[in-house]
Amino acid sequence: MMSKHLFATIVTATAVAANNRGEGDGRTLSTLQKITCGNDQYTTISAEAIRWGMREYFQNRHESITNRTFNPDVNRYSFKNERFSAEDFIDDDLLGYMDAKKGKDNEDATTKRRGALEISRAISLDPYWGDIAFGSKGGEKGKTSLHSIEVHCTAYQYTIALTPESLKDPNRAALALDAVGAVRHVGGNHARFLYDFRPESIVIRVTDDPSPWIMNSFKRVGDAVGCPLLVRLVEVGDVKADELIVGGEIADTPYGEHLSKLGVKVYRGVKEAISAAKAQLPTGVTV
């Protein structure tokens, strides 16, 4: 029996990404991470930053089964079990852990688990043209009183991959989808800005195929967001229409209409699409 795999590609709403850490020495600092694709430069947010947002969701919504909780007052994590347990805790199961220690006679006593949930970097849909905002931290004026902040008005796209059978509790795959639909903001790795990282549109695939195929499904088409690559994949049969669930604003575009005619399940609501996907997970159980 082949394993079922869960893939999802998310595109966020368009908003202003910025990071207010660029103050200190009076010169312009690179506060947004960049990546070059073709002839253009794009901003990017690390997978670890997105994982931080998911941990925050689990802490706020499923605290009883979350091992690692963050206390902003002391800027520190605390653990229910510092030895970790993928059986007991959703974050240890989905996101993994590593406890690097030395045992007796200096032997390696490291305990670790690779996170079952894989997350790609998020890449902006729009090229970055170097927009910068300037501000002052007030008080006495001097060479360190002014600071610059890189800003980028854009949407971000990223993909997750998960094989529910690899989890100690396969039902947690449904909670992972819930988290994707409710990430409030991302943090860490120079991405600590308020940015609604919930999906504006989402493509979900539940399949026996071990390869996602749906990465980079979205792109700018004029001022809107389209998915011509996804339409082509379904048209040529590389991705089966009955494996896909599409939801969000993309449903109200010609791309959504075309996908629906091809047999793809298309929903106007993101939450509705996530609920439909949860019903297709291997256990058939929603949480």
C-alpha atoms as a PDB file:
ATOM      1  CA  MET A   1       0.000   0.000   0.000  1.00  0.00           C
ATOM      2  CA  MET A   2       1.416   3.358  -1.066  1.00  0.00           C
ATOM      3  CA  SER A   3       1.686   6.214   1.387  1.00  0.00           C
ATOM      4  CA  LYS A   4      -0.545   9.228   1.040  1.00  0.00           C
ATOM      5  CA  HIS A   5       1.226  12.582   0.934  1.00  0.00           C
ATOM      6  CA  LEU A   6      -0.124  16.024   1.718  1.00  0.00           C
ATOM      7  CA  PHE A   7       1.146  19.073  -0.169  1.00  0.00           C
ATOM      8  CA  ALA A   8      -0.091  22.647  -0.093  1.00  0.00           C
ATOM      9  CA  THR A   9       1.041  25.862  -1.750  1.00  0.00           C
ATOM     10  CA  ILE A  10      -0.058  29.087  -0.124  1.00  0.00           C
ATOM     11  CA  VAL A  11      -0.063  32.651  -1.414  1.00  0.00           C
ATOM     12  CA  THR A  12      -0.629  35.381   1.158  1.00  0.00           C
ATOM     13  CA  ALA A  13      -2.489  38.643   0.757  1.00  0.00           C
ATOM     14  CA  THR A  14      -0.511  41.628  -0.497  1.00  0.00           C
ATOM     15  CA  ALA A  15       0.800  43.784   2.339  1.00  0.00           C
ATOM     16  CA  VAL A  16       3.854  45.794   3.362  1.00  0.00           C
ATOM     17  CA  ALA A  17       6.748  43.688   4.646  1.00  0.00           C
ATOM     18  CA  ALA A  18       9.249  45.559   6.800  1.00  0.00           C
ATOM     19  CA  ASN A  19      11.537  45.033   9.761  1.00  0.00           C
ATOM     20  CA  ASN A  20      12.184  47.727  12.354  1.00  0.00           C
ATOM     21  CA  ARG A  21      15.606  46.438  13.318  1.00  0.00           C
ATOM     22  CA  GLY A  22      17.569  48.632  10.939  1.00  0.00           C
ATOM     23  CA  GLU A  23      18.610  51.289  13.466  1.00  0.00           C
ATOM     24  CA  GLY A  24      21.896  51.763  15.204  1.00  0.00           C
ATOM     25  CA  ASP A  25      24.816  53.007  13.200  1.00  0.00           C
ATOM     26  CA  GLY A  26      23.332  55.651  10.907  1.00  0.00           C
ATOM     27  CA  ARG A  27      23.734  53.785   7.656  1.00  0.00           C
ATOM     28  CA  THR A  28      21.352  51.758   5.536  1.00  0.00           C
ATOM     29  CA  LEU A  29      21.047  48.171   6.722  1.00  0.00           C
ATOM     30  CA  SER A  30      19.705  45.229   4.761  1.00  0.00           C
ATOM     31  CA  THR A  31      16.781  44.190   6.929  1.00  0.00           C
ATOM     32  CA  LEU A  32      14.877  42.077   4.419  1.00  0.00           C
ATOM     33  CA  GLN A  33      16.445  38.895   3.096  1.00  0.00           C
ATOM     34  CA  LYS A  34      16.839  38.796  -0.679  1.00  0.00           C
ATOM     35  CA  ILE A  35      17.180  36.190  -3.391  1.00  0.00           C
ATOM     36  CA  THR A  36      17.890  36.631  -7.105  1.00  0.00           C
ATOM     37  CA  CYS A  37      15.657  34.813  -9.592  1.00  0.00           C
ATOM     38  CA  GLY A  38      16.488  35.389 -13.238  1.00  0.00           C
ATOM     39  CA  ASN A  39      17.197  39.085 -13.705  1.00  0.00           C
ATOM     40  CA  ASP A  40      15.210  40.302 -10.702  1.00  0.00           C
ATOM     41  CA  GLN A  41      15.683  40.386  -6.959  1.00  0.00           C
ATOM     42  CA  TYR A  42      12.926  39.188  -4.634  1.00  0.00           C
ATOM     43  CA  THR A  43      12.495  39.272  -0.874  1.00  0.00           C
ATOM     44  CA  THR A  44      12.286  36.010   1.028  1.00  0.00           C
ATOM     45  CA  ILE A  45      11.231  34.721   4.434  1.00  0.00           C
ATOM     46  CA  SER A  46      12.882  31.664   5.934  1.00  0.00           C
ATOM     47  CA  ALA A  47      11.087  28.398   6.611  1.00  0.00           C
ATOM     48  CA  GLU A  48      12.163  28.736  10.250  1.00  0.00           C
ATOM     49  CA  ALA A  49      10.318  32.062  10.482  1.00  0.00           C
ATOM     50  CA  ILE A  50       7.126  30.368   9.231  1.00  0.00           C
ATOM     51  CA  ARG A  51       7.670  27.488  11.652  1.00  0.00           C
ATOM     52  CA  TRP A  52       7.837  30.093  14.438  1.00  0.00           C
ATOM     53  CA  GLY A  53       4.370  31.307  13.434  1.00  0.00           C
ATOM     54  CA  MET A  54       3.039  27.749  13.487  1.00  0.00           C
ATOM     55  CA  ARG A  55       4.524  27.146  16.939  1.00  0.00           C
ATOM     56  CA  GLU A  56       2.758  30.293  18.115  1.00  0.00           C
ATOM     57  CA  TYR A  57      -0.538  28.945  16.723  1.00  0.00           C
ATOM     58  CA  PHE A  58      -0.125  25.606  18.511  1.00  0.00           C
ATOM     59  CA  GLN A  59       0.802  27.369  21.736  1.00  0.00           C
ATOM     60  CA  ASN A  60      -2.318  29.558  21.559  1.00  0.00           C
ATOM     61  CA  ARG A  61      -4.803  26.921  20.342  1.00  0.00           C
ATOM     62  CA  HIS A  62      -3.442  23.563  21.523  1.00  0.00           C
ATOM     63  CA  GLU A  63      -1.299  24.426  24.527  1.00  0.00           C
ATOM     64  CA  SER A  64      -1.991  21.114  26.315  1.00  0.00           C
ATOM     65  CA  ILE A  65      -0.249  19.115  23.570  1.00  0.00           C
ATOM     66  CA  THR A  66       2.491  21.677  22.826  1.00  0.00           C
ATOM     67  CA  ASN A  67       5.887  21.130  24.444  1.00  0.00           C
ATOM     68  CA  ARG A  68       7.630  24.409  23.625  1.00  0.00           C
ATOM     69  CA  THR A  69       5.987  27.679  24.687  1.00  0.00           C
ATOM     70  CA  PHE A  70       7.385  31.170  24.247  1.00  0.00           C
ATOM     71  CA  ASN A  71       7.268  33.791  26.994  1.00  0.00           C
ATOM     72  CA  PRO A  72       7.669  37.266  25.443  1.00  0.00           C
ATOM     73  CA  ASP A  73       8.234  38.895  28.844  1.00  0.00           C
ATOM     74  CA  VAL A  74      11.562  37.105  29.273  1.00  0.00           C
ATOM     75  CA  ASN A  75      12.145  36.388  25.543  1.00  0.00           C
ATOM     76  CA  ARG A  76      12.636  32.701  26.229  1.00  0.00           C
ATOM     77  CA  TYR A  77      11.126  29.305  25.488  1.00  0.00           C
ATOM     78  CA  SER A  78      10.099  26.884  28.204  1.00  0.00           C
ATOM     79  CA  PHE A  79       9.472  23.161  27.847  1.00  0.00           C
ATOM     80  CA  LYS A  80       7.060  20.755  29.463  1.00  0.00           C
ATOM     81  CA  ASN A  81       9.550  17.975  28.781  1.00  0.00           C
ATOM     82  CA  GLU A  82      13.148  18.913  27.983  1.00  0.00           C
ATOM     83  CA  ARG A  83      13.820  15.353  26.816  1.00  0.00           C
ATOM     84  CA  PHE A  84      11.133  15.887  24.124  1.00  0.00           C
ATOM     85  CA  SER A  85       8.406  13.442  23.078  1.00  0.00           C
ATOM     86  CA  ALA A  86       6.917  13.110  19.590  1.00  0.00           C
ATOM     87  CA  GLU A  87       4.269  10.826  21.056  1.00  0.00           C
ATOM     88  CA  ASP A  88       3.009  13.419  23.548  1.00  0.00           C
ATOM     89  CA  PHE A  89       3.524  16.772  21.815  1.00  0.00           C
ATOM     90  CA  ILE A  90       2.378  18.036  18.436  1.00  0.00           C
ATOM     91  CA  ASP A  91       5.305  20.431  17.966  1.00  0.00           C
ATOM     92  CA  ASP A  92       7.898  17.719  18.690  1.00  0.00           C
ATOM     93  CA  ASP A  93       6.083  15.442  16.221  1.00  0.00           C
ATOM     94  CA  LEU A  94       5.467  17.893  13.368  1.00  0.00           C
ATOM     95  CA  LEU A  95       8.432  20.240  13.703  1.00  0.00           C
ATOM     96  CA  GLY A  96      11.087  17.979  15.220  1.00  0.00           C
ATOM     97  CA  TYR A  97      13.753  18.713  17.806  1.00  0.00           C
ATOM     98  CA  MET A  98      17.425  18.299  18.638  1.00  0.00           C
ATOM     99  CA  ASP A  99      18.957  18.111  22.112  1.00  0.00           C
ATOM    100  CA  ALA A 100      22.755  18.159  21.682  1.00  0.00           C
ATOM    101  CA  LYS A 101      24.433  16.808  24.806  1.00  0.00           C
ATOM    102  CA  LYS A 102      27.449  14.824  25.826  1.00  0.00           C
ATOM    103  CA  GLY A 103      27.058  11.724  27.941  1.00  0.00           C
ATOM    104  CA  LYS A 104      29.495   9.756  30.047  1.00  0.00           C
ATOM    105  CA  ASP A 105      33.067   9.584  28.758  1.00  0.00           C
ATOM    106  CA  ASN A 106      32.155  12.427  26.377  1.00  0.00           C
ATOM    107  CA  GLU A 107      30.139  10.177  24.061  1.00  0.00           C
ATOM    108  CA  ASP A 108      27.484  11.760  21.873  1.00  0.00           C
ATOM    109  CA  ALA A 109      24.171  11.679  23.727  1.00  0.00           C
ATOM    110  CA  THR A 110      22.260  13.807  21.219  1.00  0.00           C
ATOM    111  CA  THR A 111      18.557  13.060  20.831  1.00  0.00           C
ATOM    112  CA  LYS A 112      16.870  14.383  17.723  1.00  0.00           C
ATOM    113  CA  ARG A 113      13.919  13.971  15.417  1.00  0.00           C
ATOM    114  CA  ARG A 114      13.665  15.484  11.952  1.00  0.00           C
ATOM    115  CA  GLY A 115      10.499  17.482  11.564  1.00  0.00           C
ATOM    116  CA  ALA A 116       7.894  15.558   9.587  1.00  0.00           C
ATOM    117  CA  LEU A 117       6.458  18.822   8.248  1.00  0.00           C
ATOM    118  CA  GLU A 118       8.654  20.325   5.522  1.00  0.00           C
ATOM    119  CA  ILE A 119       8.297  24.022   4.714  1.00  0.00           C
ATOM    120  CA  SER A 120       9.910  25.894   1.843  1.00  0.00           C
ATOM    121  CA  ARG A 121      11.183  29.446   1.942  1.00  0.00           C
ATOM    122  CA  ALA A 122       8.528  32.014   1.149  1.00  0.00           C
ATOM    123  CA  ILE A 123       9.371  34.098  -1.933  1.00  0.00           C
ATOM    124  CA  SER A 124       7.744  37.387  -2.855  1.00  0.00           C
ATOM    125  CA  LEU A 125       5.556  37.433  -5.950  1.00  0.00           C
ATOM    126  CA  ASP A 126       6.879  40.876  -6.855  1.00  0.00           C
ATOM    127  CA  PRO A 127      10.464  41.991  -7.535  1.00  0.00           C
ATOM    128  CA  TYR A 128      12.055  44.206  -4.895  1.00  0.00           C
ATOM    129  CA  TRP A 129      13.038  47.632  -6.200  1.00  0.00           C
ATOM    130  CA  GLY A 130      14.853  48.878  -3.116  1.00  0.00           C
ATOM    131  CA  ASP A 131      12.132  50.831  -1.321  1.00  0.00           C
ATOM    132  CA  ILE A 132      13.409  52.306   1.947  1.00  0.00           C
ATOM    133  CA  ALA A 133      11.648  54.226   4.717  1.00  0.00           C
ATOM    134  CA  PHE A 134      13.510  56.467   7.151  1.00  0.00           C
ATOM    135  CA  GLY A 135      12.751  57.248  10.778  1.00  0.00           C
ATOM    136  CA  SER A 136      14.150  58.636  13.991  1.00  0.00           C
ATOM    137  CA  LYS A 137      14.279  56.942  17.349  1.00  0.00           C
ATOM    138  CA  GLY A 138      13.891  60.332  19.050  1.00  0.00           C
ATOM    139  CA  GLY A 139      15.855  61.827  21.911  1.00  0.00           C
ATOM    140  CA  GLU A 140      19.203  63.474  21.356  1.00  0.00           C
ATOM    141  CA  LYS A 141      20.101  63.780  17.707  1.00  0.00           C
ATOM    142  CA  GLY A 142      23.282  62.261  16.435  1.00  0.00           C
ATOM    143  CA  LYS A 143      24.702  59.871  13.878  1.00  0.00           C
ATOM    144  CA  THR A 144      22.799  56.981  15.448  1.00  0.00           C
ATOM    145  CA  SER A 145      19.435  58.724  15.851  1.00  0.00           C
ATOM    146  CA  LEU A 146      18.274  58.077  12.274  1.00  0.00           C
ATOM    147  CA  HIS A 147      17.572  54.641  10.909  1.00  0.00           C
ATOM    148  CA  SER A 148      16.465  53.169   7.607  1.00  0.00           C
ATOM    149  CA  ILE A 149      13.990  50.362   7.027  1.00  0.00           C
ATOM    150  CA  GLU A 150      13.616  48.304   3.873  1.00  0.00           C
ATOM    151  CA  VAL A 151       9.965  47.906   2.896  1.00  0.00           C
ATOM    152  CA  HIS A 152       8.340  45.737   0.251  1.00  0.00           C
ATOM    153  CA  CYS A 153       4.649  45.766  -0.719  1.00  0.00           C
ATOM    154  CA  THR A 154       4.091  42.237  -1.968  1.00  0.00           C
ATOM    155  CA  ALA A 155       2.516  38.818  -1.450  1.00  0.00           C
ATOM    156  CA  TYR A 156       4.526  35.730  -0.482  1.00  0.00           C
ATOM    157  CA  GLN A 157       4.288  32.157  -1.716  1.00  0.00           C
ATOM    158  CA  TYR A 158       5.483  28.983   0.024  1.00  0.00           C
ATOM    159  CA  THR A 159       4.823  25.236   0.071  1.00  0.00           C
ATOM    160  CA  ILE A 160       4.458  22.607   2.783  1.00  0.00           C
ATOM    161  CA  ALA A 161       4.885  18.844   2.479  1.00  0.00           C
ATOM    162  CA  LEU A 162       3.834  16.149   4.953  1.00  0.00           C
ATOM    163  CA  THR A 163       3.374  12.385   4.949  1.00  0.00           C
ATOM    164  CA  PRO A 164       0.816  11.757   7.719  1.00  0.00           C
ATOM    165  CA  GLU A 165       2.049   8.184   8.223  1.00  0.00           C
ATOM    166  CA  SER A 166       5.398   9.571   9.372  1.00  0.00           C
ATOM    167  CA  LEU A 167       3.731  11.193  12.371  1.00  0.00           C
ATOM    168  CA  LYS A 168       3.399   9.449  15.713  1.00  0.00           C
ATOM    169  CA  ASP A 169      -0.227  10.606  15.566  1.00  0.00           C
ATOM    170  CA  PRO A 170      -1.401  10.889  11.930  1.00  0.00           C
ATOM    171  CA  ASN A 171      -4.422  12.930  13.014  1.00  0.00           C
ATOM    172  CA  ARG A 172      -2.030  15.832  13.632  1.00  0.00           C
ATOM    173  CA  ALA A 173      -1.829  16.359   9.872  1.00  0.00           C
ATOM    174  CA  ALA A 174      -5.271  17.967  10.112  1.00  0.00           C
ATOM    175  CA  LEU A 175      -4.006  20.339  12.797  1.00  0.00           C
ATOM    176  CA  ALA A 176      -1.062  21.252  10.567  1.00  0.00           C
ATOM    177  CA  LEU A 177      -3.521  22.373   7.881  1.00  0.00           C
ATOM    178  CA  ASP A 178      -5.416  24.392  10.471  1.00  0.00           C
ATOM    179  CA  ALA A 179      -2.154  26.101  11.448  1.00  0.00           C
ATOM    180  CA  VAL A 180      -1.367  26.982   7.828  1.00  0.00           C
ATOM    181  CA  GLY A 181      -4.746  28.674   7.595  1.00  0.00           C
ATOM    182  CA  ALA A 182      -4.212  30.711  10.748  1.00  0.00           C
ATOM    183  CA  VAL A 183      -0.568  31.821  10.939  1.00  0.00           C
ATOM    184  CA  ARG A 184      -0.811  35.355  12.296  1.00  0.00           C
ATOM    185  CA  HIS A 185       2.741  36.491  11.681  1.00  0.00           C
ATOM    186  CA  VAL A 186       6.178  35.090  11.123  1.00  0.00           C
ATOM    187  CA  GLY A 187       9.222  35.640  13.310  1.00  0.00           C
ATOM    188  CA  GLY A 188      12.952  35.138  13.533  1.00  0.00           C
ATOM    189  CA  ASN A 189      15.673  35.441  10.906  1.00  0.00           C
ATOM    190  CA  HIS A 190      15.005  39.156  10.261  1.00  0.00           C
ATOM    191  CA  ALA A 191      11.326  38.630   9.548  1.00  0.00           C
ATOM    192  CA  ARG A 192       9.753  39.905  12.760  1.00  0.00           C
ATOM    193  CA  PHE A 193       7.153  42.192  11.231  1.00  0.00           C
ATOM    194  CA  LEU A 194       3.368  42.138  11.487  1.00  0.00           C
ATOM    195  CA  TYR A 195       2.218  40.562   8.264  1.00  0.00           C
ATOM    196  CA  ASP A 196      -0.936  38.490   7.878  1.00  0.00           C
ATOM    197  CA  PHE A 197       0.511  35.227   6.673  1.00  0.00           C
ATOM    198  CA  ARG A 198      -2.791  33.434   6.297  1.00  0.00           C
ATOM    199  CA  PRO A 199      -3.611  32.216   2.772  1.00  0.00           C
ATOM    200  CA  GLU A 200      -5.348  34.493   0.331  1.00  0.00           C
ATOM    201  CA  SER A 201      -5.454  31.462  -1.950  1.00  0.00           C
ATOM    202  CA  ILE A 202      -4.359  27.874  -1.425  1.00  0.00           C
ATOM    203  CA  VAL A 203      -3.772  24.752  -3.535  1.00  0.00           C
ATOM    204  CA  ILE A 204      -3.849  21.445  -1.641  1.00  0.00           C
ATOM    205  CA  ARG A 205      -2.910  18.059  -3.066  1.00  0.00           C
ATOM    206  CA  VAL A 206      -3.524  14.690  -1.354  1.00  0.00           C
ATOM    207  CA  THR A 207      -1.807  12.035  -3.452  1.00  0.00           C
ATOM    208  CA  ASP A 208       0.256   8.841  -3.715  1.00  0.00           C
ATOM    209  CA  ASP A 209       2.822  10.821  -5.738  1.00  0.00           C
ATOM    210  CA  PRO A 210       5.865  11.584  -3.542  1.00  0.00           C
ATOM    211  CA  SER A 211       6.645  14.776  -5.515  1.00  0.00           C
ATOM    212  CA  PRO A 212       4.603  17.942  -4.843  1.00  0.00           C
ATOM    213  CA  TRP A 213       4.414  19.284  -8.428  1.00  0.00           C
ATOM    214  CA  ILE A 214       2.409  22.281  -7.147  1.00  0.00           C
ATOM    215  CA  MET A 215       5.298  24.424  -5.881  1.00  0.00           C
ATOM    216  CA  ASN A 216       5.321  27.946  -7.373  1.00  0.00           C
ATOM    217  CA  SER A 217       1.728  27.533  -8.559  1.00  0.00           C
ATOM    218  CA  PHE A 218       0.977  31.255  -8.238  1.00  0.00           C
ATOM    219  CA  LYS A 219       2.327  34.266 -10.108  1.00  0.00           C
ATOM    220  CA  ARG A 220       1.425  37.876 -10.750  1.00  0.00           C
ATOM    221  CA  VAL A 221      -0.870  38.324 -13.729  1.00  0.00           C
ATOM    222  CA  GLY A 222      -1.327  42.051 -14.128  1.00  0.00           C
ATOM    223  CA  ASP A 223      -2.361  43.410 -10.743  1.00  0.00           C
ATOM    224  CA  ALA A 224      -3.983  40.121  -9.715  1.00  0.00           C
ATOM    225  CA  VAL A 225      -2.723  36.635  -8.866  1.00  0.00           C
ATOM    226  CA  GLY A 226      -3.094  33.727 -11.266  1.00  0.00           C
ATOM    227  CA  CYS A 227      -2.046  30.085 -11.514  1.00  0.00           C
ATOM    228  CA  PRO A 228      -1.309  29.305 -15.186  1.00  0.00           C
ATOM    229  CA  LEU A 229       1.267  26.637 -14.270  1.00  0.00           C
ATOM    230  CA  LEU A 230      -1.285  24.721 -12.212  1.00  0.00           C
ATOM    231  CA  VAL A 231      -3.830  24.856 -15.026  1.00  0.00           C
ATOM    232  CA  ARG A 232      -1.263  23.434 -17.430  1.00  0.00           C
ATOM    233  CA  LEU A 233      -0.282  20.611 -15.066  1.00  0.00           C
ATOM    234  CA  VAL A 234      -3.906  19.492 -14.871  1.00  0.00           C
ATOM    235  CA  GLU A 235      -4.490  19.888 -18.616  1.00  0.00           C
ATOM    236  CA  VAL A 236      -1.543  17.660 -19.536  1.00  0.00           C
ATOM    237  CA  GLY A 237      -2.314  15.085 -16.841  1.00  0.00           C
ATOM    238  CA  ASP A 238       0.822  15.472 -14.717  1.00  0.00           C
ATOM    239  CA  VAL A 239      -1.426  16.279 -11.764  1.00  0.00           C
ATOM    240  CA  LYS A 240      -4.811  14.565 -11.510  1.00  0.00           C
ATOM    241  CA  ALA A 241      -7.739  16.909 -11.093  1.00  0.00           C
ATOM    242  CA  ASP A 242      -9.322  14.757  -8.377  1.00  0.00           C
ATOM    243  CA  GLU A 243      -6.186  15.099  -6.211  1.00  0.00           C
ATOM    244  CA  LEU A 244      -6.488  18.872  -6.006  1.00  0.00           C
ATOM    245  CA  ILE A 245      -8.441  21.225  -3.800  1.00  0.00           C
ATOM    246  CA  VAL A 246      -8.242  24.944  -4.562  1.00  0.00           C
ATOM    247  CA  GLY A 247      -9.630  27.680  -2.355  1.00  0.00           C
ATOM    248  CA  GLY A 248      -9.646  31.429  -1.823  1.00  0.00           C
ATOM    249  CA  GLU A 249      -9.698  34.445  -4.107  1.00  0.00           C
ATOM    250  CA  ILE A 250      -8.244  32.442  -6.996  1.00  0.00           C
ATOM    251  CA  ALA A 251     -11.682  30.795  -7.261  1.00  0.00           C
ATOM    252  CA  ASP A 252     -13.184  34.068  -8.524  1.00  0.00           C
ATOM    253  CA  THR A 253     -10.704  34.384 -11.394  1.00  0.00           C
ATOM    254  CA  PRO A 254     -10.758  32.781 -14.871  1.00  0.00           C
ATOM    255  CA  TYR A 255      -8.107  30.342 -13.566  1.00  0.00           C
ATOM    256  CA  GLY A 256     -10.448  29.094 -10.858  1.00  0.00           C
ATOM    257  CA  GLU A 257     -13.268  28.731 -13.350  1.00  0.00           C
ATOM    258  CA  HIS A 258     -11.025  26.801 -15.745  1.00  0.00           C
ATOM    259  CA  LEU A 259      -9.798  24.467 -13.001  1.00  0.00           C
ATOM    260  CA  SER A 260     -13.380  23.769 -11.966  1.00  0.00           C
ATOM    261  CA  LYS A 261     -14.276  22.810 -15.543  1.00  0.00           C
ATOM    262  CA  LEU A 262     -11.270  20.446 -15.551  1.00  0.00           C
ATOM    263  CA  GLY A 263     -12.702  18.618 -12.527  1.00  0.00           C
ATOM    264  CA  VAL A 264     -10.737  20.285  -9.715  1.00  0.00           C
ATOM    265  CA  LYS A 265     -12.651  20.932  -6.501  1.00  0.00           C
ATOM    266  CA  VAL A 266     -12.688  24.728  -6.209  1.00  0.00           C
ATOM    267  CA  TYR A 267     -13.977  26.617  -3.176  1.00  0.00           C
ATOM    268  CA  ARG A 268     -14.368  30.356  -2.720  1.00  0.00           C
ATOM    269  CA  GLY A 269     -13.342  30.096   0.925  1.00  0.00           C
ATOM    270  CA  VAL A 270      -9.906  29.072   2.179  1.00  0.00           C
ATOM    271  CA  LYS A 271     -11.336  27.530   5.343  1.00  0.00           C
ATOM    272  CA  GLU A 272     -13.838  25.547   3.293  1.00  0.00           C
ATOM    273  CA  ALA A 273     -11.011  24.196   1.131  1.00  0.00           C
ATOM    274  CA  ILE A 274      -8.977  23.217   4.207  1.00  0.00           C
ATOM    275  CA  SER A 275     -11.983  21.388   5.695  1.00  0.00           C
ATOM    276  CA  ALA A 276     -12.444  19.474   2.444  1.00  0.00           C
ATOM    277  CA  ALA A 277      -8.751  18.508   2.424  1.00  0.00           C
ATOM    278  CA  LYS A 278      -8.848  17.326   6.044  1.00  0.00           C
ATOM    279  CA  ALA A 279     -11.660  14.926   5.118  1.00  0.00           C
ATOM    280  CA  GLN A 280      -9.362  13.353   2.492  1.00  0.00           C
ATOM    281  CA  LEU A 281      -6.429  12.660   4.815  1.00  0.00           C
ATOM    282  CA  PRO A 282      -5.478   8.966   5.152  1.00  0.00           C
ATOM    283  CA  THR A 283      -7.225   8.358   8.466  1.00  0.00           C
ATOM    284  CA  GLY A 284     -10.366  10.074   7.276  1.00  0.00           C
ATOM    285  CA  VAL A 285     -10.489  11.768  10.684  1.00  0.00           C
ATOM    286  CA  THR A 286     -10.684  15.504  11.243  1.00  0.00           C
ATOM    287  CA  VAL A 287      -9.575  17.041  14.495  1.00  0.00           C
END
